[in-house]
């Protein structure tokens, strides 16, 4: 699934998956990939964007979400990012969530620009 998603990707910095699968080791074949978008398995209609770990590191990431977003939820994150359906940013900055695929894509693009 990851290989096919990479082949279909329009941007080398991220991969978009149609389902939540085990992708962590598969993305190691693509050193340019910084983020993966996937549907949340616990909440229908919610999408997550997760940072890709640096090869061989358990807690090191290639790129994290901005410090100003970390630990924010709902309205606070929406106000800071301008994304109306942003849900959360983990306090360590390695994952964000949104209520739509477009919202998740927008958060990702904003993070790439920082």
PDB file of N, CA and C in Angstrom:
ATOM      1  N   UNK A   1       0.816  -1.189   0.000  1.00  0.00           N
ATOM      2  CA  UNK A   1       0.000   0.000   0.000  1.00  0.00           C
ATOM      3  C   UNK A   1       0.869   1.266   0.000  1.00  0.00           C
ATOM      4  N   UNK A   2       1.946   1.280   0.778  1.00  0.00           N
ATOM      5  CA  UNK A   2       2.812   2.450   0.846  1.00  0.00           C
ATOM      6  C   UNK A   2       3.494   2.689  -0.490  1.00  0.00           C
ATOM      7  N   UNK A   3       3.968   1.621  -1.132  1.00  0.00           N
ATOM      8  CA  UNK A   3       4.632   1.763  -2.428  1.00  0.00           C
ATOM      9  C   UNK A   3       3.691   2.362  -3.455  1.00  0.00           C
ATOM     10  N   UNK A   4       2.465   1.881  -3.515  1.00  0.00           N
ATOM     11  CA  UNK A   4       1.490   2.417  -4.459  1.00  0.00           C
ATOM     12  C   UNK A   4       1.177   3.879  -4.144  1.00  0.00           C
ATOM     13  N   UNK A   5       1.018   4.200  -2.876  1.00  0.00           N
ATOM     14  CA  UNK A   5       0.738   5.585  -2.471  1.00  0.00           C
ATOM     15  C   UNK A   5       1.892   6.499  -2.876  1.00  0.00           C
ATOM     16  N   UNK A   6       3.114   6.009  -2.731  1.00  0.00           N
ATOM     17  CA  UNK A   6       4.285   6.814  -3.114  1.00  0.00           C
ATOM     18  C   UNK A   6       4.309   7.042  -4.614  1.00  0.00           C
ATOM     19  N   UNK A   7       3.975   6.026  -5.378  1.00  0.00           N
ATOM     20  CA  UNK A   7       3.939   6.167  -6.835  1.00  0.00           C
ATOM     21  C   UNK A   7       2.889   7.180  -7.276  1.00  0.00           C
ATOM     22  N   UNK A   8       1.786   7.261  -6.546  1.00  0.00           N
ATOM     23  CA  UNK A   8       0.686   8.165  -6.887  1.00  0.00           C
ATOM     24  C   UNK A   8       0.847   9.551  -6.286  1.00  0.00           C
ATOM     25  N   UNK A   9       1.815   9.737  -5.418  1.00  0.00           N
ATOM     26  CA  UNK A   9       1.989  11.011  -4.712  1.00  0.00           C
ATOM     27  C   UNK A   9       2.338  12.133  -5.678  1.00  0.00           C
ATOM     28  N   UNK A  10       1.740  13.290  -5.438  1.00  0.00           N
ATOM     29  CA  UNK A  10       2.039  14.467  -6.246  1.00  0.00           C
ATOM     30  C   UNK A  10       3.133  15.317  -5.611  1.00  0.00           C
ATOM     31  N   UNK A  11       3.479  15.021  -4.382  1.00  0.00           N
ATOM     32  CA  UNK A  11       4.492  15.767  -3.649  1.00  0.00           C
ATOM     33  C   UNK A  11       5.428  14.761  -2.987  1.00  0.00           C
ATOM     34  N   UNK A  12       6.708  14.962  -3.114  1.00  0.00           N
ATOM     35  CA  UNK A  12       7.670  13.987  -2.571  1.00  0.00           C
ATOM     36  C   UNK A  12       7.774  14.024  -1.055  1.00  0.00           C
ATOM     37  N   UNK A  13       7.221  15.050  -0.404  1.00  0.00           N
ATOM     38  CA  UNK A  13       7.385  15.225   1.034  1.00  0.00           C
ATOM     39  C   UNK A  13       6.392  14.439   1.881  1.00  0.00           C
ATOM     40  N   UNK A  14       5.329  13.897   1.257  1.00  0.00           N
ATOM     41  CA  UNK A  14       4.328  13.185   2.049  1.00  0.00           C
ATOM     42  C   UNK A  14       3.631  12.109   1.233  1.00  0.00           C
ATOM     43  N   UNK A  15       3.076  11.155   1.991  1.00  0.00           N
ATOM     44  CA  UNK A  15       2.312  10.057   1.397  1.00  0.00           C
ATOM     45  C   UNK A  15       0.930  10.066   2.043  1.00  0.00           C
ATOM     46  N   UNK A  16      -0.074   9.851   1.225  1.00  0.00           N
ATOM     47  CA  UNK A  16      -1.449   9.789   1.708  1.00  0.00           C
ATOM     48  C   UNK A  16      -1.957   8.359   1.567  1.00  0.00           C
ATOM     49  N   UNK A  17      -2.380   7.779   2.673  1.00  0.00           N
ATOM     50  CA  UNK A  17      -2.877   6.402   2.676  1.00  0.00           C
ATOM     51  C   UNK A  17      -4.395   6.389   2.797  1.00  0.00           C
ATOM     52  N   UNK A  18      -5.020   5.424   2.146  1.00  0.00           N
ATOM     53  CA  UNK A  18      -6.483   5.319   2.194  1.00  0.00           C
ATOM     54  C   UNK A  18      -6.972   4.557   3.418  1.00  0.00           C
ATOM     55  N   UNK A  19      -6.041   3.908   4.109  1.00  0.00           N
ATOM     56  CA  UNK A  19      -6.399   3.216   5.353  1.00  0.00           C
ATOM     57  C   UNK A  19      -5.207   3.277   6.308  1.00  0.00           C
ATOM     58  N   UNK A  20      -5.499   3.053   7.564  1.00  0.00           N
ATOM     59  CA  UNK A  20      -4.438   3.055   8.568  1.00  0.00           C
ATOM     60  C   UNK A  20      -3.778   1.681   8.552  1.00  0.00           C
ATOM     61  N   UNK A  21      -2.564   1.639   8.072  1.00  0.00           N
ATOM     62  CA  UNK A  21      -1.826   0.374   8.012  1.00  0.00           C
ATOM     63  C   UNK A  21      -0.464   0.582   8.657  1.00  0.00           C
ATOM     64  N   UNK A  22       0.264  -0.474   8.797  1.00  0.00           N
ATOM     65  CA  UNK A  22       1.613  -0.388   9.351  1.00  0.00           C
ATOM     66  C   UNK A  22       2.539   0.153   8.263  1.00  0.00           C
ATOM     67  N   UNK A  23       2.897   1.415   8.360  1.00  0.00           N
ATOM     68  CA  UNK A  23       3.671   2.070   7.309  1.00  0.00           C
ATOM     69  C   UNK A  23       5.065   2.509   7.766  1.00  0.00           C
ATOM     70  N   UNK A  24       5.337   2.466   9.050  1.00  0.00           N
ATOM     71  CA  UNK A  24       6.559   3.045   9.592  1.00  0.00           C
ATOM     72  C   UNK A  24       7.836   2.508   8.941  1.00  0.00           C
ATOM     73  N   UNK A  25       7.928   1.209   8.771  1.00  0.00           N
ATOM     74  CA  UNK A  25       9.148   0.650   8.172  1.00  0.00           C
ATOM     75  C   UNK A  25       9.159   0.817   6.662  1.00  0.00           C
ATOM     76  N   UNK A  26       7.996   0.796   6.043  1.00  0.00           N
ATOM     77  CA  UNK A  26       7.926   0.910   4.586  1.00  0.00           C
ATOM     78  C   UNK A  26       8.393   2.272   4.090  1.00  0.00           C
ATOM     79  N   UNK A  27       8.180   3.341   4.864  1.00  0.00           N
ATOM     80  CA  UNK A  27       8.587   4.668   4.394  1.00  0.00           C
ATOM     81  C   UNK A  27      10.097   4.877   4.475  1.00  0.00           C
ATOM     82  N   UNK A  28      10.812   3.979   5.133  1.00  0.00           N
ATOM     83  CA  UNK A  28      12.266   4.099   5.186  1.00  0.00           C
ATOM     84  C   UNK A  28      12.885   4.017   3.797  1.00  0.00           C
ATOM     85  N   UNK A  29      12.164   3.425   2.841  1.00  0.00           N
ATOM     86  CA  UNK A  29      12.645   3.336   1.463  1.00  0.00           C
ATOM     87  C   UNK A  29      12.554   4.676   0.737  1.00  0.00           C
ATOM     88  N   UNK A  30      11.909   5.662   1.355  1.00  0.00           N
ATOM     89  CA  UNK A  30      11.679   6.966   0.726  1.00  0.00           C
ATOM     90  C   UNK A  30      12.217   8.069   1.640  1.00  0.00           C
ATOM     91  N   UNK A  31      13.492   8.386   1.547  1.00  0.00           N
ATOM     92  CA  UNK A  31      14.103   9.324   2.481  1.00  0.00           C
ATOM     93  C   UNK A  31      13.539  10.742   2.439  1.00  0.00           C
ATOM     94  N   UNK A  32      12.887  11.141   1.353  1.00  0.00           N
ATOM     95  CA  UNK A  32      12.321  12.486   1.258  1.00  0.00           C
ATOM     96  C   UNK A  32      10.994  12.623   1.992  1.00  0.00           C
ATOM     97  N   UNK A  33      10.321  11.520   2.288  1.00  0.00           N
ATOM     98  CA  UNK A  33       8.999  11.577   2.914  1.00  0.00           C
ATOM     99  C   UNK A  33       9.120  12.031   4.367  1.00  0.00           C
ATOM    100  N   UNK A  34       8.408  13.121   4.684  1.00  0.00           N
ATOM    101  CA  UNK A  34       8.427  13.685   6.031  1.00  0.00           C
ATOM    102  C   UNK A  34       7.156  13.388   6.815  1.00  0.00           C
ATOM    103  N   UNK A  35       6.029  13.217   6.105  1.00  0.00           N
ATOM    104  CA  UNK A  35       4.733  13.036   6.747  1.00  0.00           C
ATOM    105  C   UNK A  35       3.916  11.959   6.056  1.00  0.00           C
ATOM    106  N   UNK A  36       3.010  11.355   6.825  1.00  0.00           N
ATOM    107  CA  UNK A  36       2.040  10.398   6.279  1.00  0.00           C
ATOM    108  C   UNK A  36       0.661  10.817   6.771  1.00  0.00           C
ATOM    109  N   UNK A  37      -0.285  10.902   5.831  1.00  0.00           N
ATOM    110  CA  UNK A  37      -1.685  11.181   6.159  1.00  0.00           C
ATOM    111  C   UNK A  37      -2.436   9.869   6.094  1.00  0.00           C
ATOM    112  N   UNK A  38      -3.298   9.642   7.095  1.00  0.00           N
ATOM    113  CA  UNK A  38      -4.093   8.413   7.103  1.00  0.00           C
ATOM    114  C   UNK A  38      -5.374   8.638   7.908  1.00  0.00           C
ATOM    115  N   UNK A  39      -6.420   7.851   7.630  1.00  0.00           N
ATOM    116  CA  UNK A  39      -7.660   7.987   8.404  1.00  0.00           C
ATOM    117  C   UNK A  39      -7.486   7.433   9.816  1.00  0.00           C
ATOM    118  N   UNK A  40      -8.116   8.090  10.765  1.00  0.00           N
ATOM    119  CA  UNK A  40      -8.108   7.654  12.159  1.00  0.00           C
ATOM    120  C   UNK A  40      -9.002   6.422  12.274  1.00  0.00           C
ATOM    121  N   UNK A  41      -8.482   5.329  12.808  1.00  0.00           N
ATOM    122  CA  UNK A  41      -9.278   4.096  12.889  1.00  0.00           C
ATOM    123  C   UNK A  41     -10.341   4.162  13.980  1.00  0.00           C
ATOM    124  N   UNK A  42     -10.194   5.082  14.912  1.00  0.00           N
ATOM    125  CA  UNK A  42     -11.144   5.168  16.018  1.00  0.00           C
ATOM    126  C   UNK A  42     -12.282   6.143  15.758  1.00  0.00           C
ATOM    127  N   UNK A  43     -12.060   7.117  14.860  1.00  0.00           N
ATOM    128  CA  UNK A  43     -13.081   8.137  14.613  1.00  0.00           C
ATOM    129  C   UNK A  43     -13.278   8.329  13.114  1.00  0.00           C
ATOM    130  N   UNK A  44     -14.441   7.934  12.633  1.00  0.00           N
ATOM    131  CA  UNK A  44     -14.755   8.056  11.217  1.00  0.00           C
ATOM    132  C   UNK A  44     -14.753   9.524  10.797  1.00  0.00           C
ATOM    133  N   UNK A  45     -14.164   9.793   9.654  1.00  0.00           N
ATOM    134  CA  UNK A  45     -14.117  11.145   9.126  1.00  0.00           C
ATOM    135  C   UNK A  45     -12.973  11.987   9.645  1.00  0.00           C
ATOM    136  N   UNK A  46     -12.184  11.455  10.572  1.00  0.00           N
ATOM    137  CA  UNK A  46     -11.036  12.169  11.119  1.00  0.00           C
ATOM    138  C   UNK A  46      -9.771  11.639  10.447  1.00  0.00           C
ATOM    139  N   UNK A  47      -8.861  12.566  10.142  1.00  0.00           N
ATOM    140  CA  UNK A  47      -7.600  12.195   9.510  1.00  0.00           C
ATOM    141  C   UNK A  47      -6.452  12.690  10.367  1.00  0.00           C
ATOM    142  N   UNK A  48      -5.403  11.891  10.389  1.00  0.00           N
ATOM    143  CA  UNK A  48      -4.192  12.240  11.130  1.00  0.00           C
ATOM    144  C   UNK A  48      -3.051  12.466  10.154  1.00  0.00           C
ATOM    145  N   UNK A  49      -2.149  13.317  10.565  1.00  0.00           N
ATOM    146  CA  UNK A  49      -0.889  13.506   9.842  1.00  0.00           C
ATOM    147  C   UNK A  49       0.205  13.228  10.854  1.00  0.00           C
ATOM    148  N   UNK A  50       1.027  12.249  10.540  1.00  0.00           N
ATOM    149  CA  UNK A  50       2.085  11.871  11.471  1.00  0.00           C
ATOM    150  C   UNK A  50       3.445  12.116  10.836  1.00  0.00           C
ATOM    151  N   UNK A  51       4.358  12.574  11.660  1.00  0.00           N
ATOM    152  CA  UNK A  51       5.730  12.797  11.223  1.00  0.00           C
ATOM    153  C   UNK A  51       6.434  11.453  11.061  1.00  0.00           C
ATOM    154  N   UNK A  52       7.299  11.379  10.084  1.00  0.00           N
ATOM    155  CA  UNK A  52       8.066  10.161   9.831  1.00  0.00           C
ATOM    156  C   UNK A  52       9.328  10.184  10.689  1.00  0.00           C
ATOM    157  N   UNK A  53       9.585   9.074  11.337  1.00  0.00           N
ATOM    158  CA  UNK A  53      10.765   8.950  12.194  1.00  0.00           C
ATOM    159  C   UNK A  53      12.034   8.918  11.358  1.00  0.00           C
ATOM    160  N   UNK A  54      13.097   9.438  11.952  1.00  0.00           N
ATOM    161  CA  UNK A  54      14.404   9.305  11.332  1.00  0.00           C
ATOM    162  C   UNK A  54      14.784   7.834  11.352  1.00  0.00           C
ATOM    163  N   UNK A  55      15.435   7.380  10.336  1.00  0.00           N
ATOM    164  CA  UNK A  55      15.792   5.977  10.223  1.00  0.00           C
ATOM    165  C   UNK A  55      16.576   5.504  11.442  1.00  0.00           C
ATOM    166  N   UNK A  56      16.087   4.423  12.035  1.00  0.00           N
ATOM    167  CA  UNK A  56      16.769   3.819  13.165  1.00  0.00           C
ATOM    168  C   UNK A  56      16.547   4.493  14.502  1.00  0.00           C
ATOM    169  N   UNK A  57      15.724   5.529  14.555  1.00  0.00           N
ATOM    170  CA  UNK A  57      15.481   6.237  15.816  1.00  0.00           C
ATOM    171  C   UNK A  57      14.048   6.007  16.280  1.00  0.00           C
ATOM    172  N   UNK A  58      13.901   5.787  17.554  1.00  0.00           N
ATOM    173  CA  UNK A  58      12.581   5.540  18.120  1.00  0.00           C
ATOM    174  C   UNK A  58      11.800   6.836  18.313  1.00  0.00           C
ATOM    175  N   UNK A  59      12.464   7.895  18.765  1.00  0.00           N
ATOM    176  CA  UNK A  59      11.764   9.135  19.052  1.00  0.00           C
ATOM    177  C   UNK A  59      12.319  10.343  18.301  1.00  0.00           C
ATOM    178  N   UNK A  60      13.107  10.123  17.279  1.00  0.00           N
ATOM    179  CA  UNK A  60      13.616  11.230  16.470  1.00  0.00           C
ATOM    180  C   UNK A  60      12.814  11.323  15.182  1.00  0.00           C
ATOM    181  N   UNK A  61      12.420  12.521  14.811  1.00  0.00           N
ATOM    182  CA  UNK A  61      11.600  12.714  13.616  1.00  0.00           C
ATOM    183  C   UNK A  61      12.308  13.635  12.641  1.00  0.00           C
ATOM    184  N   UNK A  62      12.020  13.421  11.364  1.00  0.00           N
ATOM    185  CA  UNK A  62      12.636  14.234  10.315  1.00  0.00           C
ATOM    186  C   UNK A  62      12.187  15.687  10.412  1.00  0.00           C
ATOM    187  N   UNK A  63      10.919  15.894  10.718  1.00  0.00           N
ATOM    188  CA  UNK A  63      10.358  17.238  10.861  1.00  0.00           C
ATOM    189  C   UNK A  63       9.177  17.141  11.810  1.00  0.00           C
ATOM    190  N   UNK A  64       9.069  18.090  12.714  1.00  0.00           N
ATOM    191  CA  UNK A  64       7.960  18.134  13.662  1.00  0.00           C
ATOM    192  C   UNK A  64       7.025  19.284  13.304  1.00  0.00           C
ATOM    193  N   UNK A  65       5.837  19.258  13.869  1.00  0.00           N
ATOM    194  CA  UNK A  65       4.904  20.356  13.673  1.00  0.00           C
ATOM    195  C   UNK A  65       5.367  21.552  14.505  1.00  0.00           C
ATOM    196  N   UNK A  66       4.988  22.760  14.108  1.00  0.00           N
ATOM    197  CA  UNK A  66       5.489  23.969  14.765  1.00  0.00           C
ATOM    198  C   UNK A  66       5.254  23.999  16.277  1.00  0.00           C
ATOM    199  N   UNK A  67       6.188  24.585  16.986  1.00  0.00           N
ATOM    200  CA  UNK A  67       6.085  24.732  18.444  1.00  0.00           C
ATOM    201  C   UNK A  67       4.796  25.436  18.849  1.00  0.00           C
ATOM    202  N   UNK A  68       4.388  26.424  18.079  1.00  0.00           N
ATOM    203  CA  UNK A  68       3.191  27.213  18.421  1.00  0.00           C
ATOM    204  C   UNK A  68       1.919  26.376  18.387  1.00  0.00           C
ATOM    205  N   UNK A  69       1.936  25.215  17.734  1.00  0.00           N
ATOM    206  CA  UNK A  69       0.751  24.350  17.638  1.00  0.00           C
ATOM    207  C   UNK A  69       0.702  23.314  18.761  1.00  0.00           C
ATOM    208  N   UNK A  70       1.832  22.980  19.311  1.00  0.00           N
ATOM    209  CA  UNK A  70       1.952  21.818  20.185  1.00  0.00           C
ATOM    210  C   UNK A  70       1.094  21.929  21.440  1.00  0.00           C
ATOM    211  N   UNK A  71       0.322  20.878  21.662  1.00  0.00           N
ATOM    212  CA  UNK A  71      -0.545  20.802  22.829  1.00  0.00           C
ATOM    213  C   UNK A  71      -1.882  21.512  22.656  1.00  0.00           C
ATOM    214  N   UNK A  72      -2.097  22.138  21.509  1.00  0.00           N
ATOM    215  CA  UNK A  72      -3.356  22.857  21.287  1.00  0.00           C
ATOM    216  C   UNK A  72      -4.434  21.917  20.752  1.00  0.00           C
ATOM    217  N   UNK A  73      -5.684  22.268  21.066  1.00  0.00           N
ATOM    218  CA  UNK A  73      -6.834  21.487  20.600  1.00  0.00           C
ATOM    219  C   UNK A  73      -7.939  22.418  20.122  1.00  0.00           C
ATOM    220  N   UNK A  74      -8.726  21.891  19.214  1.00  0.00           N
ATOM    221  CA  UNK A  74      -9.956  22.532  18.754  1.00  0.00           C
ATOM    222  C   UNK A  74      -9.770  24.022  18.443  1.00  0.00           C
ATOM    223  N   UNK A  75     -10.563  24.877  19.070  1.00  0.00           N
ATOM    224  CA  UNK A  75     -10.581  26.304  18.714  1.00  0.00           C
ATOM    225  C   UNK A  75      -9.206  26.956  18.820  1.00  0.00           C
ATOM    226  N   UNK A  76      -8.437  26.609  19.829  1.00  0.00           N
ATOM    227  CA  UNK A  76      -7.109  27.214  19.982  1.00  0.00           C
ATOM    228  C   UNK A  76      -6.212  26.864  18.798  1.00  0.00           C
ATOM    229  N   UNK A  77      -6.235  25.608  18.381  1.00  0.00           N
ATOM    230  CA  UNK A  77      -5.431  25.201  17.228  1.00  0.00           C
ATOM    231  C   UNK A  77      -5.999  25.807  15.948  1.00  0.00           C
ATOM    232  N   UNK A  78      -7.304  25.862  15.837  1.00  0.00           N
ATOM    233  CA  UNK A  78      -7.952  26.463  14.667  1.00  0.00           C
ATOM    234  C   UNK A  78      -7.568  27.931  14.533  1.00  0.00           C
ATOM    235  N   UNK A  79      -7.549  28.645  15.636  1.00  0.00           N
ATOM    236  CA  UNK A  79      -7.180  30.058  15.617  1.00  0.00           C
ATOM    237  C   UNK A  79      -5.724  30.258  15.194  1.00  0.00           C
ATOM    238  N   UNK A  80      -4.836  29.417  15.688  1.00  0.00           N
ATOM    239  CA  UNK A  80      -3.406  29.550  15.388  1.00  0.00           C
ATOM    240  C   UNK A  80      -3.101  29.169  13.937  1.00  0.00           C
ATOM    241  N   UNK A  81      -3.756  28.110  13.433  1.00  0.00           N
ATOM    242  CA  UNK A  81      -3.443  27.610  12.086  1.00  0.00           C
ATOM    243  C   UNK A  81      -4.323  28.196  10.994  1.00  0.00           C
ATOM    244  N   UNK A  82      -5.528  28.645  11.353  1.00  0.00           N
ATOM    245  CA  UNK A  82      -6.490  29.088  10.347  1.00  0.00           C
ATOM    246  C   UNK A  82      -7.225  27.937   9.688  1.00  0.00           C
ATOM    247  N   UNK A  83      -7.036  26.725  10.190  1.00  0.00           N
ATOM    248  CA  UNK A  83      -7.698  25.536   9.642  1.00  0.00           C
ATOM    249  C   UNK A  83      -8.956  25.290  10.484  1.00  0.00           C
ATOM    250  N   UNK A  84     -10.159  25.490   9.894  1.00  0.00           N
ATOM    251  CA  UNK A  84     -11.392  25.475  10.680  1.00  0.00           C
ATOM    252  C   UNK A  84     -11.772  24.134  11.294  1.00  0.00           C
ATOM    253  N   UNK A  85     -11.216  23.041  10.800  1.00  0.00           N
ATOM    254  CA  UNK A  85     -11.561  21.742  11.381  1.00  0.00           C
ATOM    255  C   UNK A  85     -10.371  21.038  12.031  1.00  0.00           C
ATOM    256  N   UNK A  86      -9.333  21.813  12.355  1.00  0.00           N
ATOM    257  CA  UNK A  86      -8.183  21.245  13.074  1.00  0.00           C
ATOM    258  C   UNK A  86      -8.646  20.765  14.440  1.00  0.00           C
ATOM    259  N   UNK A  87      -8.183  19.585  14.854  1.00  0.00           N
ATOM    260  CA  UNK A  87      -8.612  18.989  16.120  1.00  0.00           C
ATOM    261  C   UNK A  87      -7.569  19.059  17.223  1.00  0.00           C
ATOM    262  N   UNK A  88      -6.331  18.700  16.908  1.00  0.00           N
ATOM    263  CA  UNK A  88      -5.307  18.639  17.943  1.00  0.00           C
ATOM    264  C   UNK A  88      -3.922  18.592  17.321  1.00  0.00           C
ATOM    265  N   UNK A  89      -2.964  18.969  18.136  1.00  0.00           N
ATOM    266  CA  UNK A  89      -1.563  18.722  17.838  1.00  0.00           C
ATOM    267  C   UNK A  89      -0.971  18.147  19.115  1.00  0.00           C
ATOM    268  N   UNK A  90      -0.352  17.010  19.024  1.00  0.00           N
ATOM    269  CA  UNK A  90       0.267  16.382  20.188  1.00  0.00           C
ATOM    270  C   UNK A  90       1.277  17.340  20.803  1.00  0.00           C
ATOM    271  N   UNK A  91       1.418  17.290  22.094  1.00  0.00           N
ATOM    272  CA  UNK A  91       2.319  18.237  22.771  1.00  0.00           C
ATOM    273  C   UNK A  91       3.795  18.033  22.422  1.00  0.00           C
ATOM    274  N   UNK A  92       4.140  16.901  21.850  1.00  0.00           N
ATOM    275  CA  UNK A  92       5.514  16.663  21.377  1.00  0.00           C
ATOM    276  C   UNK A  92       5.673  17.019  19.901  1.00  0.00           C
ATOM    277  N   UNK A  93       4.550  17.326  19.207  1.00  0.00           N
ATOM    278  CA  UNK A  93       4.611  17.817  17.837  1.00  0.00           C
ATOM    279  C   UNK A  93       4.761  16.784  16.749  1.00  0.00           C
ATOM    280  N   UNK A  94       4.481  15.512  17.027  1.00  0.00           N
ATOM    281  CA  UNK A  94       4.687  14.491  15.999  1.00  0.00           C
ATOM    282  C   UNK A  94       3.408  14.037  15.289  1.00  0.00           C
ATOM    283  N   UNK A  95       2.244  14.517  15.719  1.00  0.00           N
ATOM    284  CA  UNK A  95       1.003  14.141  15.046  1.00  0.00           C
ATOM    285  C   UNK A  95      -0.031  15.246  15.237  1.00  0.00           C
ATOM    286  N   UNK A  96      -0.817  15.470  14.179  1.00  0.00           N
ATOM    287  CA  UNK A  96      -1.952  16.393  14.237  1.00  0.00           C
ATOM    288  C   UNK A  96      -3.170  15.675  13.687  1.00  0.00           C
ATOM    289  N   UNK A  97      -4.341  16.220  13.965  1.00  0.00           N
ATOM    290  CA  UNK A  97      -5.575  15.646  13.451  1.00  0.00           C
ATOM    291  C   UNK A  97      -6.514  16.728  12.969  1.00  0.00           C
ATOM    292  N   UNK A  98      -7.382  16.357  12.019  1.00  0.00           N
ATOM    293  CA  UNK A  98      -8.390  17.265  11.481  1.00  0.00           C
ATOM    294  C   UNK A  98      -9.637  16.460  11.138  1.00  0.00           C
ATOM    295  N   UNK A  99     -10.764  17.152  11.054  1.00  0.00           N
ATOM    296  CA  UNK A  99     -12.051  16.505  10.764  1.00  0.00           C
ATOM    297  C   UNK A  99     -12.282  16.256   9.284  1.00  0.00           C
ATOM    298  N   UNK A 100     -11.305  16.554   8.443  1.00  0.00           N
ATOM    299  CA  UNK A 100     -11.443  16.294   7.010  1.00  0.00           C
ATOM    300  C   UNK A 100     -10.070  16.020   6.415  1.00  0.00           C
ATOM    301  N   UNK A 101     -10.081  15.374   5.283  1.00  0.00           N
ATOM    302  CA  UNK A 101      -8.833  15.123   4.568  1.00  0.00           C
ATOM    303  C   UNK A 101      -8.217  16.441   4.126  1.00  0.00           C
ATOM    304  N   UNK A 102      -9.048  17.359   3.655  1.00  0.00           N
ATOM    305  CA  UNK A 102      -8.526  18.657   3.218  1.00  0.00           C
ATOM    306  C   UNK A 102      -7.914  19.425   4.388  1.00  0.00           C
ATOM    307  N   UNK A 103      -8.545  19.355   5.555  1.00  0.00           N
ATOM    308  CA  UNK A 103      -7.976  19.995   6.734  1.00  0.00           C
ATOM    309  C   UNK A 103      -6.619  19.411   7.096  1.00  0.00           C
ATOM    310  N   UNK A 104      -6.504  18.094   7.028  1.00  0.00           N
ATOM    311  CA  UNK A 104      -5.228  17.427   7.309  1.00  0.00           C
ATOM    312  C   UNK A 104      -4.168  17.843   6.294  1.00  0.00           C
ATOM    313  N   UNK A 105      -4.554  17.902   5.028  1.00  0.00           N
ATOM    314  CA  UNK A 105      -3.614  18.336   3.984  1.00  0.00           C
ATOM    315  C   UNK A 105      -3.150  19.771   4.228  1.00  0.00           C
ATOM    316  N   UNK A 106      -4.065  20.627   4.649  1.00  0.00           N
ATOM    317  CA  UNK A 106      -3.719  22.024   4.898  1.00  0.00           C
ATOM    318  C   UNK A 106      -2.745  22.148   6.062  1.00  0.00           C
ATOM    319  N   UNK A 107      -2.997  21.396   7.147  1.00  0.00           N
ATOM    320  CA  UNK A 107      -2.060  21.407   8.270  1.00  0.00           C
ATOM    321  C   UNK A 107      -0.674  20.949   7.821  1.00  0.00           C
ATOM    322  N   UNK A 108      -0.627  19.919   7.018  1.00  0.00           N
ATOM    323  CA  UNK A 108       0.640  19.404   6.516  1.00  0.00           C
ATOM    324  C   UNK A 108       1.365  20.470   5.701  1.00  0.00           C
ATOM    325  N   UNK A 109       0.641  21.113   4.789  1.00  0.00           N
ATOM    326  CA  UNK A 109       1.281  22.132   3.941  1.00  0.00           C
ATOM    327  C   UNK A 109       1.802  23.312   4.773  1.00  0.00           C
ATOM    328  N   UNK A 110       1.028  23.708   5.774  1.00  0.00           N
ATOM    329  CA  UNK A 110       1.473  24.776   6.666  1.00  0.00           C
ATOM    330  C   UNK A 110       2.760  24.373   7.397  1.00  0.00           C
ATOM    331  N   UNK A 111       2.810  23.129   7.844  1.00  0.00           N
ATOM    332  CA  UNK A 111       4.002  22.640   8.539  1.00  0.00           C
ATOM    333  C   UNK A 111       5.218  22.614   7.608  1.00  0.00           C
ATOM    334  N   UNK A 112       5.007  22.268   6.360  1.00  0.00           N
ATOM    335  CA  UNK A 112       6.113  22.248   5.409  1.00  0.00           C
ATOM    336  C   UNK A 112       6.678  23.648   5.185  1.00  0.00           C
ATOM    337  N   UNK A 113       5.832  24.657   5.299  1.00  0.00           N
ATOM    338  CA  UNK A 113       6.256  26.035   5.068  1.00  0.00           C
ATOM    339  C   UNK A 113       6.965  26.666   6.259  1.00  0.00           C
ATOM    340  N   UNK A 114       6.993  25.953   7.392  1.00  0.00           N
ATOM    341  CA  UNK A 114       7.629  26.527   8.588  1.00  0.00           C
ATOM    342  C   UNK A 114       9.030  25.987   8.782  1.00  0.00           C
TER     343      UNK A 114
END
